[in-house]
Amino acid sequence: MKIKPLADRVVVQRIEEEEEKKGGIIIPDTAKERPQKGKVIAVGPGRLNDKGERMPMEVKEGDLVLFSKYAGTEVKVGDDEYLVMREDEILAILEE
């Protein structure tokens, strides 16, 4: 199944950070913070402005992005989990 977001929405898949163990302490999954970095999987066509013109999206598929901790709505498609959020909930595009 494929997800196609509407308007200025973006589908993002979280990227899990590498686990660091300090002093031999293992932190359970329930105590870990959720990653705030992800990869853009799909992008909507953009929102309409007051004149009815389509505003282009600043992010594109494949971009690595940072987003706020509580951004978006979690959805599950098959075995994969995604976040669907508005473009304005994305804080930055990461460049390597």
PDB file of N, CA and C in Angstrom:
ATOM      1  N   MET A   1       0.848  -1.176   0.000  1.00  0.00           N
ATOM      2  CA  MET A   1       0.000   0.000   0.000  1.00  0.00           C
ATOM      3  C   MET A   1       0.895   1.241   0.000  1.00  0.00           C
ATOM      4  N   LYS A   2       0.474   2.263  -0.734  1.00  0.00           N
ATOM      5  CA  LYS A   2       1.251   3.494  -0.846  1.00  0.00           C
ATOM      6  C   LYS A   2       0.455   4.643  -0.244  1.00  0.00           C
ATOM      7  N   ILE A   3       1.156   5.567   0.415  1.00  0.00           N
ATOM      8  CA  ILE A   3       0.508   6.731   1.034  1.00  0.00           C
ATOM      9  C   ILE A   3       0.740   7.942   0.143  1.00  0.00           C
ATOM     10  N   LYS A   4      -0.333   8.669  -0.153  1.00  0.00           N
ATOM     11  CA  LYS A   4      -0.221   9.909  -0.922  1.00  0.00           C
ATOM     12  C   LYS A   4      -0.843  11.018  -0.076  1.00  0.00           C
ATOM     13  N   PRO A   5      -0.012  11.889   0.519  1.00  0.00           N
ATOM     14  CA  PRO A   5      -0.545  12.950   1.375  1.00  0.00           C
ATOM     15  C   PRO A   5      -1.251  14.037   0.555  1.00  0.00           C
ATOM     16  N   LEU A   6      -2.188  14.710   1.198  1.00  0.00           N
ATOM     17  CA  LEU A   6      -2.946  15.782   0.566  1.00  0.00           C
ATOM     18  C   LEU A   6      -2.402  17.141   0.986  1.00  0.00           C
ATOM     19  N   ALA A   7      -2.641  18.146   0.161  1.00  0.00           N
ATOM     20  CA  ALA A   7      -2.303  19.548   0.431  1.00  0.00           C
ATOM     21  C   ALA A   7      -0.840  19.688   0.860  1.00  0.00           C
ATOM     22  N   ASP A   8      -0.589  20.334   2.013  1.00  0.00           N
ATOM     23  CA  ASP A   8       0.793  20.581   2.450  1.00  0.00           C
ATOM     24  C   ASP A   8       1.255  19.572   3.488  1.00  0.00           C
ATOM     25  N   ARG A   9       0.746  18.362   3.401  1.00  0.00           N
ATOM     26  CA  ARG A   9       1.143  17.323   4.351  1.00  0.00           C
ATOM     27  C   ARG A   9       2.324  16.524   3.815  1.00  0.00           C
ATOM     28  N   VAL A  10       3.093  15.977   4.756  1.00  0.00           N
ATOM     29  CA  VAL A  10       4.313  15.235   4.446  1.00  0.00           C
ATOM     30  C   VAL A  10       4.287  13.941   5.247  1.00  0.00           C
ATOM     31  N   VAL A  11       4.705  12.836   4.633  1.00  0.00           N
ATOM     32  CA  VAL A  11       4.831  11.559   5.331  1.00  0.00           C
ATOM     33  C   VAL A  11       6.304  11.356   5.659  1.00  0.00           C
ATOM     34  N   VAL A  12       6.591  11.151   6.955  1.00  0.00           N
ATOM     35  CA  VAL A  12       7.968  11.015   7.440  1.00  0.00           C
ATOM     36  C   VAL A  12       8.111   9.698   8.181  1.00  0.00           C
ATOM     37  N   GLN A  13       9.232   9.022   7.943  1.00  0.00           N
ATOM     38  CA  GLN A  13       9.552   7.807   8.699  1.00  0.00           C
ATOM     39  C   GLN A  13      10.674   8.148   9.659  1.00  0.00           C
ATOM     40  N   ARG A  14      10.448   7.896  10.951  1.00  0.00           N
ATOM     41  CA  ARG A  14      11.464   8.204  11.967  1.00  0.00           C
ATOM     42  C   ARG A  14      12.733   7.402  11.717  1.00  0.00           C
ATOM     43  N   ILE A  15      13.864   8.043  12.012  1.00  0.00           N
ATOM     44  CA  ILE A  15      15.159   7.374  11.929  1.00  0.00           C
ATOM     45  C   ILE A  15      15.643   7.177  13.350  1.00  0.00           C
ATOM     46  N   GLU A  16      15.838   5.931  13.717  1.00  0.00           N
ATOM     47  CA  GLU A  16      16.305   5.603  15.066  1.00  0.00           C
ATOM     48  C   GLU A  16      17.787   5.923  15.182  1.00  0.00           C
ATOM     49  N   GLU A  17      18.156   6.626  16.248  1.00  0.00           N
ATOM     50  CA  GLU A  17      19.559   6.942  16.515  1.00  0.00           C
ATOM     51  C   GLU A  17      20.261   5.684  17.025  1.00  0.00           C
ATOM     52  N   GLU A  18      21.558   5.634  16.822  1.00  0.00           N
ATOM     53  CA  GLU A  18      22.323   4.508  17.345  1.00  0.00           C
ATOM     54  C   GLU A  18      22.309   4.547  18.860  1.00  0.00           C
ATOM     55  N   GLU A  19      22.151   3.384  19.455  1.00  0.00           N
ATOM     56  CA  GLU A  19      22.051   3.294  20.910  1.00  0.00           C
ATOM     57  C   GLU A  19      23.427   3.411  21.553  1.00  0.00           C
ATOM     58  N   GLU A  20      23.530   4.294  22.548  1.00  0.00           N
ATOM     59  CA  GLU A  20      24.782   4.450  23.286  1.00  0.00           C
ATOM     60  C   GLU A  20      24.586   3.908  24.700  1.00  0.00           C
ATOM     61  N   LYS A  21      25.543   3.129  25.145  1.00  0.00           N
ATOM     62  CA  LYS A  21      25.501   2.601  26.502  1.00  0.00           C
ATOM     63  C   LYS A  21      26.600   3.288  27.293  1.00  0.00           C
ATOM     64  N   LYS A  22      26.218   3.932  28.369  1.00  0.00           N
ATOM     65  CA  LYS A  22      27.188   4.619  29.210  1.00  0.00           C
ATOM     66  C   LYS A  22      27.241   3.926  30.566  1.00  0.00           C
ATOM     67  N   GLY A  23      28.393   3.483  30.935  1.00  0.00           N
ATOM     68  CA  GLY A  23      28.560   2.864  32.234  1.00  0.00           C
ATOM     69  C   GLY A  23      27.850   1.520  32.367  1.00  0.00           C
ATOM     70  N   GLY A  24      27.531   0.879  31.253  1.00  0.00           N
ATOM     71  CA  GLY A  24      26.888  -0.426  31.293  1.00  0.00           C
ATOM     72  C   GLY A  24      25.410  -0.382  31.635  1.00  0.00           C
ATOM     73  N   ILE A  25      24.816   0.821  31.662  1.00  0.00           N
ATOM     74  CA  ILE A  25      23.386   0.931  31.978  1.00  0.00           C
ATOM     75  C   ILE A  25      22.592   0.793  30.687  1.00  0.00           C
ATOM     76  N   ILE A  26      21.620  -0.078  30.721  1.00  0.00           N
ATOM     77  CA  ILE A  26      20.746  -0.271  29.559  1.00  0.00           C
ATOM     78  C   ILE A  26      19.420   0.416  29.856  1.00  0.00           C
ATOM     79  N   ILE A  27      19.025   1.316  28.977  1.00  0.00           N
ATOM     80  CA  ILE A  27      17.771   2.054  29.160  1.00  0.00           C
ATOM     81  C   ILE A  27      16.659   1.308  28.430  1.00  0.00           C
ATOM     82  N   PRO A  28      15.553   1.005  29.106  1.00  0.00           N
ATOM     83  CA  PRO A  28      14.454   0.301  28.435  1.00  0.00           C
ATOM     84  C   PRO A  28      13.809   1.185  27.366  1.00  0.00           C
ATOM     85  N   ASP A  29      13.180   0.545  26.369  1.00  0.00           N
ATOM     86  CA  ASP A  29      12.562   1.274  25.261  1.00  0.00           C
ATOM     87  C   ASP A  29      11.509   2.261  25.725  1.00  0.00           C
ATOM     88  N   THR A  30      10.801   1.956  26.809  1.00  0.00           N
ATOM     89  CA  THR A  30       9.741   2.845  27.282  1.00  0.00           C
ATOM     90  C   THR A  30      10.284   4.138  27.865  1.00  0.00           C
ATOM     91  N   ALA A  31      11.547   4.157  28.282  1.00  0.00           N
ATOM     92  CA  ALA A  31      12.140   5.355  28.875  1.00  0.00           C
ATOM     93  C   ALA A  31      12.905   6.203  27.860  1.00  0.00           C
ATOM     94  N   LYS A  32      13.084   5.672  26.666  1.00  0.00           N
ATOM     95  CA  LYS A  32      13.837   6.399  25.654  1.00  0.00           C
ATOM     96  C   LYS A  32      12.964   7.473  25.017  1.00  0.00           C
ATOM     97  N   GLU A  33      13.614   8.561  24.621  1.00  0.00           N
ATOM     98  CA  GLU A  33      12.895   9.607  23.897  1.00  0.00           C
ATOM     99  C   GLU A  33      12.758   9.183  22.444  1.00  0.00           C
ATOM    100  N   ARG A  34      11.664   9.577  21.842  1.00  0.00           N
ATOM    101  CA  ARG A  34      11.444   9.247  20.447  1.00  0.00           C
ATOM    102  C   ARG A  34      12.338  10.132  19.593  1.00  0.00           C
ATOM    103  N   PRO A  35      12.845   9.581  18.498  1.00  0.00           N
ATOM    104  CA  PRO A  35      13.706  10.387  17.636  1.00  0.00           C
ATOM    105  C   PRO A  35      12.933  11.533  16.992  1.00  0.00           C
ATOM    106  N   GLN A  36      13.614  12.637  16.793  1.00  0.00           N
ATOM    107  CA  GLN A  36      13.005  13.808  16.181  1.00  0.00           C
ATOM    108  C   GLN A  36      13.614  14.047  14.801  1.00  0.00           C
ATOM    109  N   LYS A  37      14.201  13.011  14.251  1.00  0.00           N
ATOM    110  CA  LYS A  37      14.800  13.078  12.931  1.00  0.00           C
ATOM    111  C   LYS A  37      14.138  12.012  12.075  1.00  0.00           C
ATOM    112  N   GLY A  38      13.907  12.335  10.809  1.00  0.00           N
ATOM    113  CA  GLY A  38      13.272  11.362   9.944  1.00  0.00           C
ATOM    114  C   GLY A  38      13.555  11.604   8.481  1.00  0.00           C
ATOM    115  N   LYS A  39      13.114  10.644   7.666  1.00  0.00           N
ATOM    116  CA  LYS A  39      13.278  10.713   6.218  1.00  0.00           C
ATOM    117  C   LYS A  39      11.911  10.942   5.589  1.00  0.00           C
ATOM    118  N   VAL A  40      11.834  11.892   4.668  1.00  0.00           N
ATOM    119  CA  VAL A  40      10.580  12.193   3.986  1.00  0.00           C
ATOM    120  C   VAL A  40      10.299  11.077   2.983  1.00  0.00           C
ATOM    121  N   ILE A  41       9.135  10.442   3.134  1.00  0.00           N
ATOM    122  CA  ILE A  41       8.737   9.331   2.274  1.00  0.00           C
ATOM    123  C   ILE A  41       7.849   9.814   1.129  1.00  0.00           C
ATOM    124  N   ALA A  42       6.933  10.733   1.422  1.00  0.00           N
ATOM    125  CA  ALA A  42       6.011  11.249   0.404  1.00  0.00           C
ATOM    126  C   ALA A  42       5.651  12.693   0.734  1.00  0.00           C
ATOM    127  N   VAL A  43       5.368  13.479  -0.300  1.00  0.00           N
ATOM    128  CA  VAL A  43       5.054  14.899  -0.156  1.00  0.00           C
ATOM    129  C   VAL A  43       3.780  15.201  -0.935  1.00  0.00           C
ATOM    130  N   GLY A  44       2.905  15.987  -0.328  1.00  0.00           N
ATOM    131  CA  GLY A  44       1.685  16.412  -1.009  1.00  0.00           C
ATOM    132  C   GLY A  44       1.983  17.460  -2.069  1.00  0.00           C
ATOM    133  N   PRO A  45       0.975  17.856  -2.835  1.00  0.00           N
ATOM    134  CA  PRO A  45       1.183  18.824  -3.913  1.00  0.00           C
ATOM    135  C   PRO A  45       1.394  20.258  -3.436  1.00  0.00           C
ATOM    136  N   GLY A  46       1.103  20.562  -2.190  1.00  0.00           N
ATOM    137  CA  GLY A  46       1.238  21.923  -1.666  1.00  0.00           C
ATOM    138  C   GLY A  46      -0.134  22.518  -1.382  1.00  0.00           C
ATOM    139  N   ARG A  47      -0.150  23.544  -0.519  1.00  0.00           N
ATOM    140  CA  ARG A  47      -1.427  24.154  -0.164  1.00  0.00           C
ATOM    141  C   ARG A  47      -1.806  25.229  -1.171  1.00  0.00           C
ATOM    142  N   LEU A  48      -3.068  25.593  -1.165  1.00  0.00           N
ATOM    143  CA  LEU A  48      -3.556  26.657  -2.026  1.00  0.00           C
ATOM    144  C   LEU A  48      -3.518  27.971  -1.267  1.00  0.00           C
ATOM    145  N   ASN A  49      -3.082  29.058  -1.927  1.00  0.00           N
ATOM    146  CA  ASN A  49      -3.107  30.366  -1.275  1.00  0.00           C
ATOM    147  C   ASN A  49      -4.478  31.020  -1.495  1.00  0.00           C
ATOM    148  N   ASP A  50      -4.628  32.257  -1.070  1.00  0.00           N
ATOM    149  CA  ASP A  50      -5.916  32.945  -1.164  1.00  0.00           C
ATOM    150  C   ASP A  50      -6.385  33.151  -2.603  1.00  0.00           C
ATOM    151  N   LYS A  51      -5.451  33.170  -3.539  1.00  0.00           N
ATOM    152  CA  LYS A  51      -5.795  33.368  -4.947  1.00  0.00           C
ATOM    153  C   LYS A  51      -6.088  32.053  -5.663  1.00  0.00           C
ATOM    154  N   GLY A  52      -5.964  30.942  -4.948  1.00  0.00           N
ATOM    155  CA  GLY A  52      -6.202  29.630  -5.547  1.00  0.00           C
ATOM    156  C   GLY A  52      -4.988  29.049  -6.251  1.00  0.00           C
ATOM    157  N   GLU A  53      -3.825  29.669  -6.050  1.00  0.00           N
ATOM    158  CA  GLU A  53      -2.600  29.174  -6.660  1.00  0.00           C
ATOM    159  C   GLU A  53      -1.929  28.172  -5.735  1.00  0.00           C
ATOM    160  N   ARG A  54      -1.331  27.144  -6.299  1.00  0.00           N
ATOM    161  CA  ARG A  54      -0.664  26.100  -5.533  1.00  0.00           C
ATOM    162  C   ARG A  54       0.706  26.597  -5.091  1.00  0.00           C
ATOM    163  N   MET A  55       0.980  26.544  -3.789  1.00  0.00           N
ATOM    164  CA  MET A  55       2.275  26.952  -3.227  1.00  0.00           C
ATOM    165  C   MET A  55       3.214  25.735  -3.262  1.00  0.00           C
ATOM    166  N   PRO A  56       4.410  25.874  -3.840  1.00  0.00           N
ATOM    167  CA  PRO A  56       5.317  24.724  -3.915  1.00  0.00           C
ATOM    168  C   PRO A  56       5.836  24.322  -2.536  1.00  0.00           C
ATOM    169  N   MET A  57       6.117  23.041  -2.375  1.00  0.00           N
ATOM    170  CA  MET A  57       6.639  22.505  -1.115  1.00  0.00           C
ATOM    171  C   MET A  57       8.156  22.731  -1.066  1.00  0.00           C
ATOM    172  N   GLU A  58       8.676  22.998   0.141  1.00  0.00           N
ATOM    173  CA  GLU A  58      10.114  23.203   0.321  1.00  0.00           C
ATOM    174  C   GLU A  58      10.851  21.887   0.524  1.00  0.00           C
ATOM    175  N   VAL A  59      10.160  20.859   1.015  1.00  0.00           N
ATOM    176  CA  VAL A  59      10.796  19.552   1.214  1.00  0.00           C
ATOM    177  C   VAL A  59      10.440  18.646   0.046  1.00  0.00           C
ATOM    178  N   LYS A  60      11.282  17.651  -0.163  1.00  0.00           N
ATOM    179  CA  LYS A  60      11.021  16.690  -1.232  1.00  0.00           C
ATOM    180  C   LYS A  60      11.306  15.285  -0.699  1.00  0.00           C
ATOM    181  N   GLU A  61      10.863  14.285  -1.427  1.00  0.00           N
ATOM    182  CA  GLU A  61      11.082  12.906  -1.013  1.00  0.00           C
ATOM    183  C   GLU A  61      12.575  12.638  -0.872  1.00  0.00           C
ATOM    184  N   GLY A  62      12.945  11.934   0.198  1.00  0.00           N
ATOM    185  CA  GLY A  62      14.337  11.592   0.443  1.00  0.00           C
ATOM    186  C   GLY A  62      15.070  12.561   1.359  1.00  0.00           C
ATOM    187  N   ASP A  63      14.489  13.746   1.637  1.00  0.00           N
ATOM    188  CA  ASP A  63      15.127  14.707   2.536  1.00  0.00           C
ATOM    189  C   ASP A  63      15.173  14.169   3.957  1.00  0.00           C
ATOM    190  N   LEU A  64      16.252  14.468   4.678  1.00  0.00           N
ATOM    191  CA  LEU A  64      16.330  14.187   6.108  1.00  0.00           C
ATOM    192  C   LEU A  64      15.896  15.452   6.825  1.00  0.00           C
ATOM    193  N   VAL A  65      14.947  15.325   7.752  1.00  0.00           N
ATOM    194  CA  VAL A  65      14.377  16.498   8.399  1.00  0.00           C
ATOM    195  C   VAL A  65      14.364  16.351   9.916  1.00  0.00           C
ATOM    196  N   LEU A  66      14.318  17.500  10.590  1.00  0.00           N
ATOM    197  CA  LEU A  66      14.101  17.566  12.033  1.00  0.00           C
ATOM    198  C   LEU A  66      12.698  18.095  12.264  1.00  0.00           C
ATOM    199  N   PHE A  67      12.007  17.532  13.253  1.00  0.00           N
ATOM    200  CA  PHE A  67      10.659  17.980  13.570  1.00  0.00           C
ATOM    201  C   PHE A  67      10.485  18.012  15.069  1.00  0.00           C
ATOM    202  N   SER A  68       9.458  18.713  15.527  1.00  0.00           N
ATOM    203  CA  SER A  68       9.241  18.841  16.964  1.00  0.00           C
ATOM    204  C   SER A  68       8.794  17.512  17.564  1.00  0.00           C
ATOM    205  N   LYS A  69       8.968  17.397  18.864  1.00  0.00           N
ATOM    206  CA  LYS A  69       8.718  16.149  19.582  1.00  0.00           C
ATOM    207  C   LYS A  69       7.287  15.623  19.409  1.00  0.00           C
ATOM    208  N   TYR A  70       6.312  16.523  19.374  1.00  0.00           N
ATOM    209  CA  TYR A  70       4.914  16.098  19.311  1.00  0.00           C
ATOM    210  C   TYR A  70       4.284  16.382  17.952  1.00  0.00           C
ATOM    211  N   ALA A  71       5.089  16.498  16.910  1.00  0.00           N
ATOM    212  CA  ALA A  71       4.583  16.826  15.575  1.00  0.00           C
ATOM    213  C   ALA A  71       3.890  15.635  14.939  1.00  0.00           C
ATOM    214  N   GLY A  72       2.888  15.925  14.143  1.00  0.00           N
ATOM    215  CA  GLY A  72       2.266  14.930  13.291  1.00  0.00           C
ATOM    216  C   GLY A  72       1.358  13.939  13.979  1.00  0.00           C
ATOM    217  N   THR A  73       0.798  13.086  13.148  1.00  0.00           N
ATOM    218  CA  THR A  73      -0.090  12.013  13.581  1.00  0.00           C
ATOM    219  C   THR A  73       0.546  10.693  13.181  1.00  0.00           C
ATOM    220  N   GLU A  74       0.651   9.777  14.128  1.00  0.00           N
ATOM    221  CA  GLU A  74       1.256   8.489  13.839  1.00  0.00           C
ATOM    222  C   GLU A  74       0.261   7.595  13.114  1.00  0.00           C
ATOM    223  N   VAL A  75       0.735   6.961  12.034  1.00  0.00           N
ATOM    224  CA  VAL A  75      -0.076   6.001  11.289  1.00  0.00           C
ATOM    225  C   VAL A  75       0.760   4.757  11.047  1.00  0.00           C
ATOM    226  N   LYS A  76       0.081   3.625  10.921  1.00  0.00           N
ATOM    227  CA  LYS A  76       0.768   2.370  10.671  1.00  0.00           C
ATOM    228  C   LYS A  76       0.217   1.791   9.375  1.00  0.00           C
ATOM    229  N   VAL A  77       1.117   1.523   8.441  1.00  0.00           N
ATOM    230  CA  VAL A  77       0.742   0.921   7.164  1.00  0.00           C
ATOM    231  C   VAL A  77       1.529  -0.370   7.046  1.00  0.00           C
ATOM    232  N   GLY A  78       0.823  -1.479   7.106  1.00  0.00           N
ATOM    233  CA  GLY A  78       1.499  -2.769   7.127  1.00  0.00           C
ATOM    234  C   GLY A  78       2.291  -2.889   8.417  1.00  0.00           C
ATOM    235  N   ASP A  79       3.576  -3.161   8.298  1.00  0.00           N
ATOM    236  CA  ASP A  79       4.445  -3.259   9.475  1.00  0.00           C
ATOM    237  C   ASP A  79       5.216  -1.969   9.738  1.00  0.00           C
ATOM    238  N   ASP A  80       5.056  -0.982   8.865  1.00  0.00           N
ATOM    239  CA  ASP A  80       5.817   0.261   8.984  1.00  0.00           C
ATOM    240  C   ASP A  80       5.004   1.346   9.682  1.00  0.00           C
ATOM    241  N   GLU A  81       5.700   2.158  10.502  1.00  0.00           N
ATOM    242  CA  GLU A  81       5.066   3.282  11.184  1.00  0.00           C
ATOM    243  C   GLU A  81       5.570   4.583  10.569  1.00  0.00           C
ATOM    244  N   TYR A  82       4.639   5.503  10.344  1.00  0.00           N
ATOM    245  CA  TYR A  82       4.963   6.783   9.743  1.00  0.00           C
ATOM    246  C   TYR A  82       4.346   7.905  10.551  1.00  0.00           C
ATOM    247  N   LEU A  83       4.814   9.124  10.298  1.00  0.00           N
ATOM    248  CA  LEU A  83       4.207  10.336  10.833  1.00  0.00           C
ATOM    249  C   LEU A  83       3.672  11.127   9.648  1.00  0.00           C
ATOM    250  N   VAL A  84       2.434  11.583   9.748  1.00  0.00           N
ATOM    251  CA  VAL A  84       1.875  12.472   8.744  1.00  0.00           C
ATOM    252  C   VAL A  84       1.761  13.834   9.415  1.00  0.00           C
ATOM    253  N   MET A  85       2.448  14.832   8.840  1.00  0.00           N
ATOM    254  CA  MET A  85       2.476  16.157   9.449  1.00  0.00           C
ATOM    255  C   MET A  85       2.390  17.230   8.375  1.00  0.00           C
ATOM    256  N   ARG A  86       2.024  18.423   8.813  1.00  0.00           N
ATOM    257  CA  ARG A  86       2.030  19.560   7.895  1.00  0.00           C
ATOM    258  C   ARG A  86       3.473  20.012   7.691  1.00  0.00           C
ATOM    259  N   GLU A  87       3.725  20.622   6.554  1.00  0.00           N
ATOM    260  CA  GLU A  87       5.079  21.065   6.249  1.00  0.00           C
ATOM    261  C   GLU A  87       5.591  22.066   7.286  1.00  0.00           C
ATOM    262  N   ASP A  88       4.705  22.893   7.839  1.00  0.00           N
ATOM    263  CA  ASP A  88       5.158  23.895   8.811  1.00  0.00           C
ATOM    264  C   ASP A  88       5.543  23.297  10.161  1.00  0.00           C
ATOM    265  N   GLU A  89       5.282  21.997  10.377  1.00  0.00           N
ATOM    266  CA  GLU A  89       5.732  21.326  11.594  1.00  0.00           C
ATOM    267  C   GLU A  89       7.179  20.846  11.481  1.00  0.00           C
ATOM    268  N   ILE A  90       7.729  20.892  10.278  1.00  0.00           N
ATOM    269  CA  ILE A  90       9.127  20.514  10.061  1.00  0.00           C
ATOM    270  C   ILE A  90       9.997  21.715  10.416  1.00  0.00           C
ATOM    271  N   LEU A  91      10.985  21.490  11.263  1.00  0.00           N
ATOM    272  CA  LEU A  91      11.839  22.566  11.747  1.00  0.00           C
ATOM    273  C   LEU A  91      13.017  22.862  10.837  1.00  0.00           C
ATOM    274  N   ALA A  92      13.600  21.814  10.227  1.00  0.00           N
ATOM    275  CA  ALA A  92      14.797  22.023   9.408  1.00  0.00           C
ATOM    276  C   ALA A  92      15.013  20.836   8.487  1.00  0.00           C
ATOM    277  N   ILE A  93      15.735  21.101   7.396  1.00  0.00           N
ATOM    278  CA  ILE A  93      16.188  20.048   6.499  1.00  0.00           C
ATOM    279  C   ILE A  93      17.668  19.831   6.794  1.00  0.00           C
ATOM    280  N   LEU A  94      18.061  18.585   7.030  1.00  0.00           N
ATOM    281  CA  LEU A  94      19.463  18.265   7.339  1.00  0.00           C
ATOM    282  C   LEU A  94      20.242  18.041   6.041  1.00  0.00           C
ATOM    283  N   GLU A  95      21.385  18.694   5.930  1.00  0.00           N
ATOM    284  CA  GLU A  95      22.251  18.524   4.777  1.00  0.00           C
ATOM    285  C   GLU A  95      23.518  17.826   5.230  1.00  0.00           C
ATOM    286  N   GLU A  96      23.950  16.851   4.456  1.00  0.00           N
ATOM    287  CA  GLU A  96      25.149  16.089   4.821  1.00  0.00           C
ATOM    288  C   GLU A  96      26.318  16.518   3.994  1.00  0.00           C
TER     289      GLU A  96
END
